[in-house]
Amino acid sequence: MEEKPNTKGTNERLAIIRIRGVTGIKHDIKQTLDMLNLYRKNNCAIVPKTDAFLGMCMKVKDFTTFGIIDDDTYNLLVEKRGKEGDTLFTLHPPRKGYGRKGIKIPFSVGGGLGNRKEMINELIKRMI
């Protein structure tokens, strides 16, 4: 049996950005978005990379995009859009859009939803 990598002791942070609005959301997905403090479009939450938050990201992947944020982008985000210690930021819509195919298609096939891995840094810089 293959073991999962241990993500409990890492210093990595996840940036989760809500892309889609409120209509047509199931109750359990809305609750998960509320737990992440993502109440509106273009809100960004910074959370530690743990198994619990990764599970929450996978649950709301059809309404958000997420990835691992680096320190330079986080510092720029705090400088331009918030205060030190903030975990919730309000961003502008991105210049040149979320993806070539829009906000209803996964990132892996050219859209804007789901896991972007390190490409989230580029998106955040376009949204600041």
C-alpha atoms as a PDB file:
ATOM      1  CA  MET A   1       0.000   0.000   0.000  1.00  0.00           C
ATOM      2  CA  GLU A   2       1.316   3.420  -0.956  1.00  0.00           C
ATOM      3  CA  GLU A   3       1.711   5.984   1.844  1.00  0.00           C
ATOM      4  CA  LYS A   4       0.573   9.597   1.538  1.00  0.00           C
ATOM      5  CA  PRO A   5       3.209  12.254   2.093  1.00  0.00           C
ATOM      6  CA  ASN A   6       3.010  13.868   5.507  1.00  0.00           C
ATOM      7  CA  THR A   7       1.897  17.494   5.110  1.00  0.00           C
ATOM      8  CA  LYS A   8       1.420  18.317   8.776  1.00  0.00           C
ATOM      9  CA  GLY A   9       4.871  19.762   9.503  1.00  0.00           C
ATOM     10  CA  THR A  10       5.353  21.902   6.409  1.00  0.00           C
ATOM     11  CA  ASN A  11       5.483  25.674   6.263  1.00  0.00           C
ATOM     12  CA  GLU A  12       3.747  25.813   2.903  1.00  0.00           C
ATOM     13  CA  ARG A  13       0.590  27.855   2.531  1.00  0.00           C
ATOM     14  CA  LEU A  14      -2.345  27.425   0.191  1.00  0.00           C
ATOM     15  CA  ALA A  15      -4.024  30.345  -1.533  1.00  0.00           C
ATOM     16  CA  ILE A  16      -7.689  29.649  -2.284  1.00  0.00           C
ATOM     17  CA  ILE A  17      -9.554  32.096  -4.543  1.00  0.00           C
ATOM     18  CA  ARG A  18     -13.301  31.969  -5.050  1.00  0.00           C
ATOM     19  CA  ILE A  19     -14.168  32.324  -8.725  1.00  0.00           C
ATOM     20  CA  ARG A  20     -17.856  31.515  -9.044  1.00  0.00           C
ATOM     21  CA  GLY A  21     -20.887  33.096  -7.386  1.00  0.00           C
ATOM     22  CA  VAL A  22     -23.618  31.830  -5.087  1.00  0.00           C
ATOM     23  CA  THR A  23     -26.419  30.594  -7.340  1.00  0.00           C
ATOM     24  CA  GLY A  24     -26.905  26.863  -7.589  1.00  0.00           C
ATOM     25  CA  ILE A  25     -24.569  25.880  -4.753  1.00  0.00           C
ATOM     26  CA  LYS A  26     -25.404  22.831  -2.654  1.00  0.00           C
ATOM     27  CA  HIS A  27     -25.689  23.415   1.079  1.00  0.00           C
ATOM     28  CA  ASP A  28     -22.600  21.410   2.107  1.00  0.00           C
ATOM     29  CA  ILE A  29     -20.393  23.183  -0.442  1.00  0.00           C
ATOM     30  CA  LYS A  30     -21.689  26.577   0.741  1.00  0.00           C
ATOM     31  CA  GLN A  31     -20.822  25.596   4.320  1.00  0.00           C
ATOM     32  CA  THR A  32     -17.289  24.655   3.280  1.00  0.00           C
ATOM     33  CA  LEU A  33     -16.848  27.988   1.477  1.00  0.00           C
ATOM     34  CA  ASP A  34     -18.114  29.757   4.603  1.00  0.00           C
ATOM     35  CA  MET A  35     -15.604  27.861   6.762  1.00  0.00           C
ATOM     36  CA  LEU A  36     -12.859  29.117   4.452  1.00  0.00           C
ATOM     37  CA  ASN A  37     -14.276  32.681   4.762  1.00  0.00           C
ATOM     38  CA  LEU A  38     -14.878  32.816   1.015  1.00  0.00           C
ATOM     39  CA  TYR A  39     -18.202  34.628   0.972  1.00  0.00           C
ATOM     40  CA  ARG A  40     -17.806  36.569  -2.299  1.00  0.00           C
ATOM     41  CA  LYS A  41     -16.190  36.263  -5.716  1.00  0.00           C
ATOM     42  CA  ASN A  42     -12.521  37.259  -5.957  1.00  0.00           C
ATOM     43  CA  ASN A  43     -11.918  36.697  -2.242  1.00  0.00           C
ATOM     44  CA  CYS A  44      -8.640  34.980  -1.415  1.00  0.00           C
ATOM     45  CA  ALA A  45      -7.982  32.950   1.731  1.00  0.00           C
ATOM     46  CA  ILE A  46      -4.473  31.937   2.821  1.00  0.00           C
ATOM     47  CA  VAL A  47      -4.445  28.711   4.858  1.00  0.00           C
ATOM     48  CA  PRO A  48      -1.730  26.259   5.958  1.00  0.00           C
ATOM     49  CA  LYS A  49      -1.195  23.247   3.725  1.00  0.00           C
ATOM     50  CA  THR A  50      -2.672  20.434   5.810  1.00  0.00           C
ATOM     51  CA  ASP A  51      -4.694  17.379   4.898  1.00  0.00           C
ATOM     52  CA  ALA A  52      -7.873  18.999   6.260  1.00  0.00           C
ATOM     53  CA  PHE A  53      -7.542  22.118   4.107  1.00  0.00           C
ATOM     54  CA  LEU A  54      -6.558  20.072   1.053  1.00  0.00           C
ATOM     55  CA  GLY A  55      -9.742  18.037   1.522  1.00  0.00           C
ATOM     56  CA  MET A  56     -11.780  21.232   1.755  1.00  0.00           C
ATOM     57  CA  CYS A  57     -10.134  22.518  -1.432  1.00  0.00           C
ATOM     58  CA  MET A  58     -11.025  19.330  -3.274  1.00  0.00           C
ATOM     59  CA  LYS A  59     -14.625  19.634  -2.111  1.00  0.00           C
ATOM     60  CA  VAL A  60     -15.033  23.183  -3.454  1.00  0.00           C
ATOM     61  CA  LYS A  61     -12.822  22.771  -6.544  1.00  0.00           C
ATOM     62  CA  ASP A  62     -15.764  23.540  -8.859  1.00  0.00           C
ATOM     63  CA  PHE A  63     -16.139  27.040  -7.377  1.00  0.00           C
ATOM     64  CA  THR A  64     -12.539  27.974  -6.517  1.00  0.00           C
ATOM     65  CA  THR A  65      -8.985  27.796  -7.721  1.00  0.00           C
ATOM     66  CA  PHE A  66      -6.100  27.047  -5.378  1.00  0.00           C
ATOM     67  CA  GLY A  67      -2.382  26.402  -5.219  1.00  0.00           C
ATOM     68  CA  ILE A  68       0.789  26.813  -3.180  1.00  0.00           C
ATOM     69  CA  ILE A  69       1.669  30.478  -2.682  1.00  0.00           C
ATOM     70  CA  ASP A  70       5.321  31.471  -2.401  1.00  0.00           C
ATOM     71  CA  ASP A  71       6.717  33.974   0.110  1.00  0.00           C
ATOM     72  CA  ASP A  72       7.314  36.763  -2.436  1.00  0.00           C
ATOM     73  CA  THR A  73       3.715  36.689  -3.640  1.00  0.00           C
ATOM     74  CA  TYR A  74       2.387  36.502  -0.086  1.00  0.00           C
ATOM     75  CA  ASN A  75       4.457  39.530   0.948  1.00  0.00           C
ATOM     76  CA  LEU A  76       3.240  41.456  -2.116  1.00  0.00           C
ATOM     77  CA  LEU A  77      -0.346  40.503  -1.273  1.00  0.00           C
ATOM     78  CA  VAL A  78       0.029  41.711   2.313  1.00  0.00           C
ATOM     79  CA  GLU A  79       1.719  44.925   1.160  1.00  0.00           C
ATOM     80  CA  LYS A  80      -0.901  45.846  -1.444  1.00  0.00           C
ATOM     81  CA  ARG A  81      -4.184  44.363  -0.158  1.00  0.00           C
ATOM     82  CA  GLY A  82      -4.003  43.726   3.590  1.00  0.00           C
ATOM     83  CA  LYS A  83      -2.199  43.671   6.896  1.00  0.00           C
ATOM     84  CA  GLU A  84       0.401  41.314   8.318  1.00  0.00           C
ATOM     85  CA  GLY A  85      -1.340  38.291   9.790  1.00  0.00           C
ATOM     86  CA  ASP A  86      -4.383  38.623   7.509  1.00  0.00           C
ATOM     87  CA  THR A  87      -5.669  35.455   5.985  1.00  0.00           C
ATOM     88  CA  LEU A  88      -8.473  36.955   3.881  1.00  0.00           C
ATOM     89  CA  PHE A  89      -7.933  39.362   0.998  1.00  0.00           C
ATOM     90  CA  THR A  90     -10.273  41.041  -1.465  1.00  0.00           C
ATOM     91  CA  LEU A  91      -8.798  41.052  -4.967  1.00  0.00           C
ATOM     92  CA  HIS A  92      -9.664  42.599  -8.316  1.00  0.00           C
ATOM     93  CA  PRO A  93     -10.774  40.439 -11.246  1.00  0.00           C
ATOM     94  CA  PRO A  94      -7.643  39.211 -13.073  1.00  0.00           C
ATOM     95  CA  ARG A  95      -6.223  41.049 -16.053  1.00  0.00           C
ATOM     96  CA  LYS A  96      -6.611  38.872 -19.164  1.00  0.00           C
ATOM     97  CA  GLY A  97      -9.095  36.585 -17.398  1.00  0.00           C
ATOM     98  CA  TYR A  98      -8.868  33.332 -15.456  1.00  0.00           C
ATOM     99  CA  GLY A  99      -8.150  31.047 -18.361  1.00  0.00           C
ATOM    100  CA  ARG A 100      -8.641  30.596 -22.044  1.00  0.00           C
ATOM    101  CA  LYS A 101     -11.866  28.586 -21.670  1.00  0.00           C
ATOM    102  CA  GLY A 102     -13.494  30.516 -18.811  1.00  0.00           C
ATOM    103  CA  ILE A 103     -14.629  29.772 -15.274  1.00  0.00           C
ATOM    104  CA  LYS A 104     -16.635  26.593 -15.825  1.00  0.00           C
ATOM    105  CA  ILE A 105     -13.756  24.393 -17.030  1.00  0.00           C
ATOM    106  CA  PRO A 106     -10.925  22.890 -14.919  1.00  0.00           C
ATOM    107  CA  PHE A 107      -7.473  24.480 -15.079  1.00  0.00           C
ATOM    108  CA  SER A 108      -5.950  21.239 -16.355  1.00  0.00           C
ATOM    109  CA  VAL A 109      -7.822  21.609 -19.667  1.00  0.00           C
ATOM    110  CA  GLY A 110      -7.457  25.379 -20.097  1.00  0.00           C
ATOM    111  CA  GLY A 111     -10.113  26.800 -17.770  1.00  0.00           C
ATOM    112  CA  GLY A 112      -9.917  28.579 -14.450  1.00  0.00           C
ATOM    113  CA  LEU A 113     -11.106  26.114 -11.781  1.00  0.00           C
ATOM    114  CA  GLY A 114      -9.259  23.680  -9.529  1.00  0.00           C
ATOM    115  CA  ASN A 115      -5.638  23.105  -8.579  1.00  0.00           C
ATOM    116  CA  ARG A 116      -3.112  25.456 -10.190  1.00  0.00           C
ATOM    117  CA  LYS A 117      -0.151  24.349  -8.046  1.00  0.00           C
ATOM    118  CA  GLU A 118       2.571  27.039  -8.390  1.00  0.00           C
ATOM    119  CA  MET A 119       0.706  28.888 -11.176  1.00  0.00           C
ATOM    120  CA  ILE A 120      -1.521  30.482  -8.509  1.00  0.00           C
ATOM    121  CA  ASN A 121       1.249  33.039  -7.907  1.00  0.00           C
ATOM    122  CA  GLU A 122       0.921  34.359 -11.453  1.00  0.00           C
ATOM    123  CA  LEU A 123      -2.868  34.666 -11.089  1.00  0.00           C
ATOM    124  CA  ILE A 124      -2.593  36.526  -7.771  1.00  0.00           C
ATOM    125  CA  LYS A 125      -0.135  39.007  -9.253  1.00  0.00           C
ATOM    126  CA  ARG A 126      -2.630  39.724 -12.064  1.00  0.00           C
ATOM    127  CA  MET A 127      -5.395  40.248  -9.465  1.00  0.00           C
ATOM    128  CA  ILE A 128      -3.563  42.672  -7.127  1.00  0.00           C
END
